[in-house]
Amino acid sequence: MLLLRIVISLASVWATFFATSFVAGAELKPVDAAVAPQLAGGERLRIAHCLVSLIDDVEVPAEKPGVLTSLAAREGAYLEAGAPIAVIDEAQATLQHEAAQAEAAAAQAKADNPLEVDYAVATHRSAEAEYKIALSANAKQANAVSAVELERLRLAVEQARIKISVTQFDQSLKSIEARGFDAKARLTAVEVRQRKVLAPLAGEIVEVFYRPGEWVEPGKPIVRLVRLDRLRVEGFVRYDEQSPGSLHGKVVRAEVASAGGVRHTFHGRVTFVSPIVQPGGEYRIWAEVENRREAEHWLLRPGLEAELTIE
């Protein structure tokens, strides 16, 4: 009996030990899962076979039809934003703008002219004074001024008073007309401005589609302008290896091998993380990196393959 009790006690101890071990092992799993992202966040994520591409690639169009009279751009030229690229024949538009400006100036001068209102006021005062003199004469001597004449004078005063209001109304109409002529002048200024083709952004001309003397149509591109001082590096990340929410805004380093095996490094940040996970479990990201020149040539070029390192 004593031996049986000893065996039962030992069995109970071993059962408790294994149960405790099992629970402890079960409790370690969520702790490891919580630590794993922290470890991944502290490491560097390397993405190979990334593609360098353009951020801004613009075909600058003509806004108005006409003959291309001048072209200040050539392939390879670097332009600042707002720099002139080309001019489409603007002679007729310029003359229309000058005529519209003259009309607007004349209309504004008429609207600002106070003489008509002043004349109406003076006429009213004169008529009113003449009427008062007639009334005064009749007060001193009955029928000095006939009733018919007195009524005529009274009506003249009333007409002169109304003439003031009519003149003021005409002046307000002239002010409205002046604004209309001014709008027409500004519209013709837009017509002239639209015949000057300007660079919408700072970049380099890589293609010219027209030459001086050729006719251009609205919407047809005159030059192709690309921005090379800031480029995009695109790559794919596995969803099961890195959470998308942890990448946006991260500092990146892009490495590109140039001729001769020399590697160049460029820096930037992750600016886009795709919300779509593609078949195979990967999602797309891209980073914008700063480019630089060496001997008048850009080191990072669209179409190259790069390796991204996300800190």
Protein backbone atom coordinates (compact mmCIF):
# COMPACT_ATOMS: atom_id res chain seq x y z
CA MET A 1 0.00 0.00 0.00
CA LEU A 2 2.83 2.42 0.87
CA LEU A 3 4.56 1.66 -2.44
CA LEU A 4 1.34 2.41 -4.31
CA ARG A 5 1.01 5.80 -2.60
CA ILE A 6 4.59 6.69 -3.53
CA VAL A 7 3.97 5.81 -7.17
CA ILE A 8 0.79 7.92 -7.25
CA SER A 9 2.61 10.91 -5.72
CA LEU A 10 5.43 10.69 -8.25
CA ALA A 11 2.93 10.48 -11.09
CA SER A 12 1.15 13.58 -9.78
CA VAL A 13 4.43 15.53 -9.59
CA TRP A 14 5.40 14.60 -13.16
CA ALA A 15 1.93 15.48 -14.45
CA THR A 16 2.13 18.90 -12.79
CA PHE A 17 5.60 19.46 -14.25
CA PHE A 18 4.53 18.62 -17.81
CA ALA A 19 1.35 20.71 -17.51
CA THR A 20 3.36 23.71 -16.28
CA SER A 21 5.88 23.27 -19.07
CA PHE A 22 3.13 23.07 -21.68
CA VAL A 23 1.45 26.27 -20.39
CA ALA A 24 4.78 28.10 -20.27
CA GLY A 25 5.51 27.02 -23.82
CA ALA A 26 2.08 28.20 -24.93
CA GLU A 27 2.65 31.58 -23.29
CA LEU A 28 5.98 32.10 -25.13
CA LYS A 29 4.39 32.10 -28.56
CA PRO A 30 2.57 35.45 -28.38
CA VAL A 31 5.64 37.05 -26.80
CA ASP A 32 7.79 35.91 -29.76
CA ALA A 33 5.17 37.16 -32.21
CA ALA A 34 5.18 40.56 -30.55
CA VAL A 35 8.94 40.82 -30.58
CA ALA A 36 9.31 39.77 -34.23
CA PRO A 37 8.00 43.03 -35.80
CA GLN A 38 10.23 45.07 -33.52
CA LEU A 39 13.24 43.12 -34.71
CA ALA A 40 12.19 43.51 -38.33
CA GLY A 41 11.64 47.23 -37.80
CA GLY A 42 15.15 47.65 -36.46
CA GLU A 43 16.77 45.87 -39.39
CA ARG A 44 17.37 47.11 -42.91
CA LEU A 45 15.08 45.90 -45.64
CA ARG A 46 16.88 45.36 -48.94
CA ILE A 47 14.92 45.24 -52.19
CA ALA A 48 16.79 44.15 -55.29
CA HIS A 49 15.89 44.67 -58.97
CA CYS A 50 14.15 48.03 -58.47
CA LEU A 51 13.39 50.19 -61.48
CA VAL A 52 14.38 53.85 -61.74
CA SER A 53 11.66 55.90 -63.45
CA LEU A 54 10.55 59.50 -64.00
CA ILE A 55 8.26 61.38 -61.68
CA ASP A 56 7.48 64.26 -64.05
CA ASP A 57 7.35 63.56 -67.78
CA VAL A 58 5.44 66.26 -69.65
CA GLU A 59 4.73 66.81 -73.32
CA VAL A 60 4.26 70.60 -73.39
CA PRO A 61 1.42 71.41 -75.83
CA ALA A 62 0.48 74.39 -77.97
CA GLU A 63 -2.60 76.15 -76.65
CA LYS A 64 -3.38 78.12 -79.81
CA PRO A 65 -3.07 77.32 -83.53
CA GLY A 66 -0.59 79.16 -85.71
CA VAL A 67 2.88 79.28 -87.17
CA LEU A 68 5.73 78.59 -84.78
CA THR A 69 7.72 81.82 -85.09
CA SER A 70 10.50 81.04 -82.59
CA LEU A 71 11.83 78.08 -80.65
CA ALA A 72 14.18 78.78 -77.75
CA ALA A 73 14.54 75.14 -76.74
CA ARG A 74 16.74 72.35 -78.00
CA GLU A 75 17.32 68.74 -76.99
CA GLY A 76 19.40 68.47 -73.84
CA ALA A 77 18.67 72.02 -72.68
CA TYR A 78 17.81 72.48 -69.01
CA LEU A 79 14.99 74.94 -68.32
CA GLU A 80 13.75 76.51 -65.12
CA ALA A 81 10.02 76.59 -64.45
CA GLY A 82 8.44 79.43 -66.46
CA ALA A 83 11.29 79.68 -68.95
CA PRO A 84 10.25 80.41 -72.58
CA ILE A 85 10.12 77.44 -74.92
CA ALA A 86 8.45 78.71 -78.09
CA VAL A 87 6.28 81.48 -79.53
CA ILE A 88 3.33 80.98 -81.87
CA ASP A 89 2.53 83.87 -84.27
CA GLU A 90 1.04 86.53 -81.98
CA ALA A 91 0.83 89.60 -84.26
CA GLN A 92 -2.95 89.55 -84.67
CA ALA A 93 -3.57 88.70 -81.02
CA THR A 94 -1.30 91.55 -79.93
CA LEU A 95 -3.16 94.10 -82.07
CA GLN A 96 -6.52 92.87 -80.75
CA HIS A 97 -5.20 93.25 -77.22
CA GLU A 98 -4.04 96.81 -77.88
CA ALA A 99 -7.43 97.72 -79.38
CA ALA A 100 -9.24 96.20 -76.41
CA GLN A 101 -7.00 98.13 -74.02
CA ALA A 102 -7.85 101.40 -75.82
CA GLU A 103 -11.58 100.66 -75.65
CA ALA A 104 -11.31 99.82 -71.98
CA ALA A 105 -9.43 103.06 -71.27
CA ALA A 106 -12.01 105.15 -73.15
CA ALA A 107 -14.90 103.47 -71.37
CA GLN A 108 -13.29 103.98 -67.99
CA ALA A 109 -12.66 107.65 -68.78
CA LYS A 110 -16.36 108.14 -69.60
CA ALA A 111 -17.37 106.33 -66.42
CA ASP A 112 -15.10 108.55 -64.34
CA ASN A 113 -16.15 111.81 -66.05
CA PRO A 114 -18.06 113.94 -63.48
CA LEU A 115 -18.97 116.79 -65.90
CA GLU A 116 -22.34 115.43 -67.00
CA VAL A 117 -23.56 115.06 -63.43
CA ASP A 118 -22.16 118.48 -62.53
CA TYR A 119 -23.94 120.04 -65.51
CA ALA A 120 -27.25 118.43 -64.53
CA VAL A 121 -26.89 119.73 -60.98
CA ALA A 122 -26.08 123.24 -62.22
CA THR A 123 -29.09 123.19 -64.57
CA HIS A 124 -31.33 122.22 -61.67
CA ARG A 125 -30.00 125.05 -59.51
CA SER A 126 -30.51 127.57 -62.31
CA ALA A 127 -34.09 126.46 -62.90
CA GLU A 128 -34.80 126.45 -59.21
CA ALA A 129 -33.39 129.96 -58.80
CA GLU A 130 -35.47 131.28 -61.70
CA TYR A 131 -38.62 129.74 -60.22
CA LYS A 132 -37.93 131.29 -56.80
CA ILE A 133 -37.41 134.72 -58.38
CA ALA A 134 -40.80 134.42 -60.07
CA LEU A 135 -42.45 133.46 -56.80
CA SER A 136 -40.77 136.38 -55.06
CA ALA A 137 -41.98 138.79 -57.76
CA ASN A 138 -45.56 137.59 -57.37
CA ALA A 139 -45.27 137.95 -53.61
CA LYS A 140 -44.34 141.61 -54.02
CA GLN A 141 -46.84 142.31 -56.77
CA ALA A 142 -49.74 140.08 -57.65
CA ASN A 143 -49.69 138.58 -61.14
CA ALA A 144 -46.25 139.99 -61.90
CA VAL A 145 -45.54 136.59 -63.44
CA SER A 146 -48.41 134.84 -65.13
CA ALA A 147 -49.70 131.55 -63.79
CA VAL A 148 -48.75 129.82 -67.04
CA GLU A 149 -45.17 131.07 -66.84
CA LEU A 150 -44.96 130.16 -63.19
CA GLU A 151 -46.08 126.59 -63.94
CA ARG A 152 -43.56 126.34 -66.76
CA LEU A 153 -40.79 127.37 -64.38
CA ARG A 154 -41.93 124.84 -61.80
CA LEU A 155 -41.92 122.05 -64.36
CA ALA A 156 -38.45 123.09 -65.51
CA VAL A 157 -37.20 122.69 -61.93
CA GLU A 158 -38.75 119.22 -61.72
CA GLN A 159 -37.26 118.18 -65.07
CA ALA A 160 -33.81 119.39 -64.00
CA ARG A 161 -34.09 117.41 -60.76
CA ILE A 162 -35.01 114.24 -62.67
CA LYS A 163 -32.18 114.89 -65.13
CA ILE A 164 -29.69 114.58 -62.24
CA SER A 165 -30.94 111.06 -61.40
CA VAL A 166 -30.92 110.06 -65.07
CA THR A 167 -27.35 111.29 -65.49
CA GLN A 168 -26.21 109.43 -62.36
CA PHE A 169 -27.87 106.26 -63.68
CA ASP A 170 -26.09 106.68 -67.02
CA GLN A 171 -22.78 107.03 -65.17
CA SER A 172 -23.38 103.77 -63.32
CA LEU A 173 -24.12 102.04 -66.64
CA LYS A 174 -20.88 103.43 -68.05
CA SER A 175 -19.01 101.98 -65.07
CA ILE A 176 -20.50 98.56 -65.82
CA GLU A 177 -19.58 98.90 -69.50
CA ALA A 178 -16.05 99.88 -68.48
CA ARG A 179 -15.71 96.66 -66.49
CA GLY A 180 -16.90 94.73 -69.54
CA PHE A 181 -14.27 96.38 -71.75
CA ASP A 182 -11.63 95.74 -69.10
CA ALA A 183 -12.59 92.04 -69.05
CA LYS A 184 -12.32 91.98 -72.85
CA ALA A 185 -8.84 93.52 -72.62
CA ARG A 186 -7.77 90.92 -70.07
CA LEU A 187 -9.20 88.18 -72.29
CA THR A 188 -7.13 89.35 -75.23
CA ALA A 189 -4.10 89.44 -72.91
CA VAL A 190 -4.73 85.75 -72.21
CA GLU A 191 -4.86 85.15 -75.97
CA VAL A 192 -1.43 86.73 -76.33
CA ARG A 193 -0.03 84.86 -73.33
CA GLN A 194 -1.29 81.52 -74.60
CA ARG A 195 0.82 81.95 -77.72
CA LYS A 196 3.94 81.96 -75.57
CA VAL A 197 4.81 78.39 -74.60
CA LEU A 198 6.50 78.28 -71.18
CA ALA A 199 8.08 75.45 -69.20
CA PRO A 200 5.54 74.17 -66.64
CA LEU A 201 8.33 72.76 -64.45
CA ALA A 202 12.09 72.72 -64.13
CA GLY A 203 13.50 69.97 -66.31
CA GLU A 204 15.44 68.88 -69.35
CA ILE A 205 14.17 68.79 -72.93
CA VAL A 206 14.56 65.32 -74.37
CA GLU A 207 12.51 65.69 -77.55
CA VAL A 208 11.42 68.51 -79.88
CA PHE A 209 8.44 67.84 -82.15
CA TYR A 210 8.24 71.08 -84.21
CA ARG A 211 10.64 73.52 -85.82
CA PRO A 212 10.22 77.27 -86.51
CA GLY A 213 8.03 77.96 -89.51
CA GLU A 214 5.81 74.91 -89.01
CA TRP A 215 2.08 75.10 -88.27
CA VAL A 216 1.00 73.79 -84.91
CA GLU A 217 -2.44 72.76 -83.72
CA PRO A 218 -3.87 73.22 -80.19
CA GLY A 219 -3.08 70.28 -77.97
CA LYS A 220 -0.19 69.04 -80.08
CA PRO A 221 3.05 68.70 -78.07
CA ILE A 222 5.91 70.99 -79.02
CA VAL A 223 8.57 69.54 -76.72
CA ARG A 224 8.91 66.76 -74.19
CA LEU A 225 10.20 67.94 -70.81
CA VAL A 226 11.35 65.59 -68.04
CA ARG A 227 12.47 66.24 -64.51
CA LEU A 228 15.75 64.53 -63.63
CA ASP A 229 16.80 66.15 -60.36
CA ARG A 230 14.32 63.94 -58.50
CA LEU A 231 13.49 60.41 -59.63
CA ARG A 232 11.38 57.48 -58.54
CA VAL A 233 12.70 54.05 -57.57
CA GLU A 234 10.05 51.30 -57.64
CA GLY A 235 10.21 47.82 -56.17
CA PHE A 236 8.15 45.01 -54.67
CA VAL A 237 7.99 43.81 -51.05
CA ARG A 238 6.57 40.54 -49.79
CA TYR A 239 3.55 41.04 -47.58
CA ASP A 240 4.53 38.21 -45.25
CA GLU A 241 7.94 39.78 -44.65
CA GLN A 242 7.07 43.44 -44.03
CA SER A 243 3.87 45.21 -43.04
CA PRO A 244 2.89 47.93 -45.56
CA GLY A 245 1.99 50.37 -42.81
CA SER A 246 5.55 50.42 -41.50
CA LEU A 247 7.19 51.59 -44.73
CA HIS A 248 5.58 54.89 -45.69
CA GLY A 249 7.89 57.83 -45.05
CA LYS A 250 10.91 55.68 -44.26
CA VAL A 251 14.37 56.88 -45.23
CA VAL A 252 15.83 54.93 -48.14
CA ARG A 253 19.16 54.51 -49.84
CA ALA A 254 19.31 53.59 -53.53
CA GLU A 255 22.47 52.09 -55.01
CA VAL A 256 23.13 51.95 -58.75
CA ALA A 257 26.09 50.48 -60.59
CA SER A 258 27.46 52.73 -63.32
CA ALA A 259 29.91 52.06 -66.13
CA GLY A 260 33.14 50.59 -64.84
CA GLY A 261 31.45 48.95 -61.87
CA VAL A 262 31.39 52.12 -59.75
CA ARG A 263 28.40 52.21 -57.41
CA HIS A 264 26.63 55.45 -56.61
CA THR A 265 24.36 56.02 -53.65
CA PHE A 266 21.31 58.28 -53.55
CA HIS A 267 19.01 59.17 -50.67
CA GLY A 268 15.30 59.77 -50.35
CA ARG A 269 12.08 58.59 -48.71
CA VAL A 270 9.28 56.14 -49.40
CA THR A 271 6.38 58.22 -50.75
CA PHE A 272 3.94 55.53 -51.87
CA VAL A 273 2.91 52.10 -50.62
CA SER A 274 0.32 50.33 -52.75
CA PRO A 275 -2.79 49.13 -50.92
CA ILE A 276 -3.08 46.24 -53.39
CA VAL A 277 -1.32 42.94 -52.74
CA GLN A 278 -0.65 41.27 -56.06
CA PRO A 279 -0.86 37.53 -56.81
CA GLY A 280 2.20 35.97 -55.24
CA GLY A 281 1.92 38.03 -52.04
CA GLU A 282 3.86 41.16 -53.11
CA TYR A 283 2.90 44.82 -53.02
CA ARG A 284 4.50 47.74 -54.84
CA ILE A 285 6.29 50.67 -53.22
CA TRP A 286 8.26 53.56 -54.54
CA ALA A 287 10.65 56.09 -53.13
CA GLU A 288 11.58 59.52 -54.41
CA VAL A 289 15.33 60.11 -54.36
CA GLU A 290 17.48 63.14 -55.07
CA ASN A 291 19.63 62.88 -58.18
CA ARG A 292 22.95 64.67 -58.72
CA ARG A 293 25.25 65.66 -61.56
CA GLU A 294 28.80 64.74 -62.26
CA ALA A 295 30.67 66.40 -65.13
CA GLU A 296 27.39 67.93 -66.40
CA HIS A 297 25.69 64.52 -66.54
CA TRP A 298 23.08 62.99 -64.27
CA LEU A 299 24.32 59.93 -62.40
CA LEU A 300 20.89 58.39 -61.85
CA ARG A 301 18.94 57.78 -65.04
CA PRO A 302 15.46 56.44 -65.77
CA GLY A 303 15.49 52.82 -66.87
CA LEU A 304 18.41 51.75 -64.67
CA GLU A 305 18.14 48.99 -62.10
CA ALA A 306 18.77 49.87 -58.48
CA GLU A 307 18.85 48.25 -55.07
CA LEU A 308 16.80 49.91 -52.36
CA THR A 309 17.74 49.78 -48.71
CA ILE A 310 15.03 50.93 -46.31
CA GLU A 311 16.32 51.98 -42.91
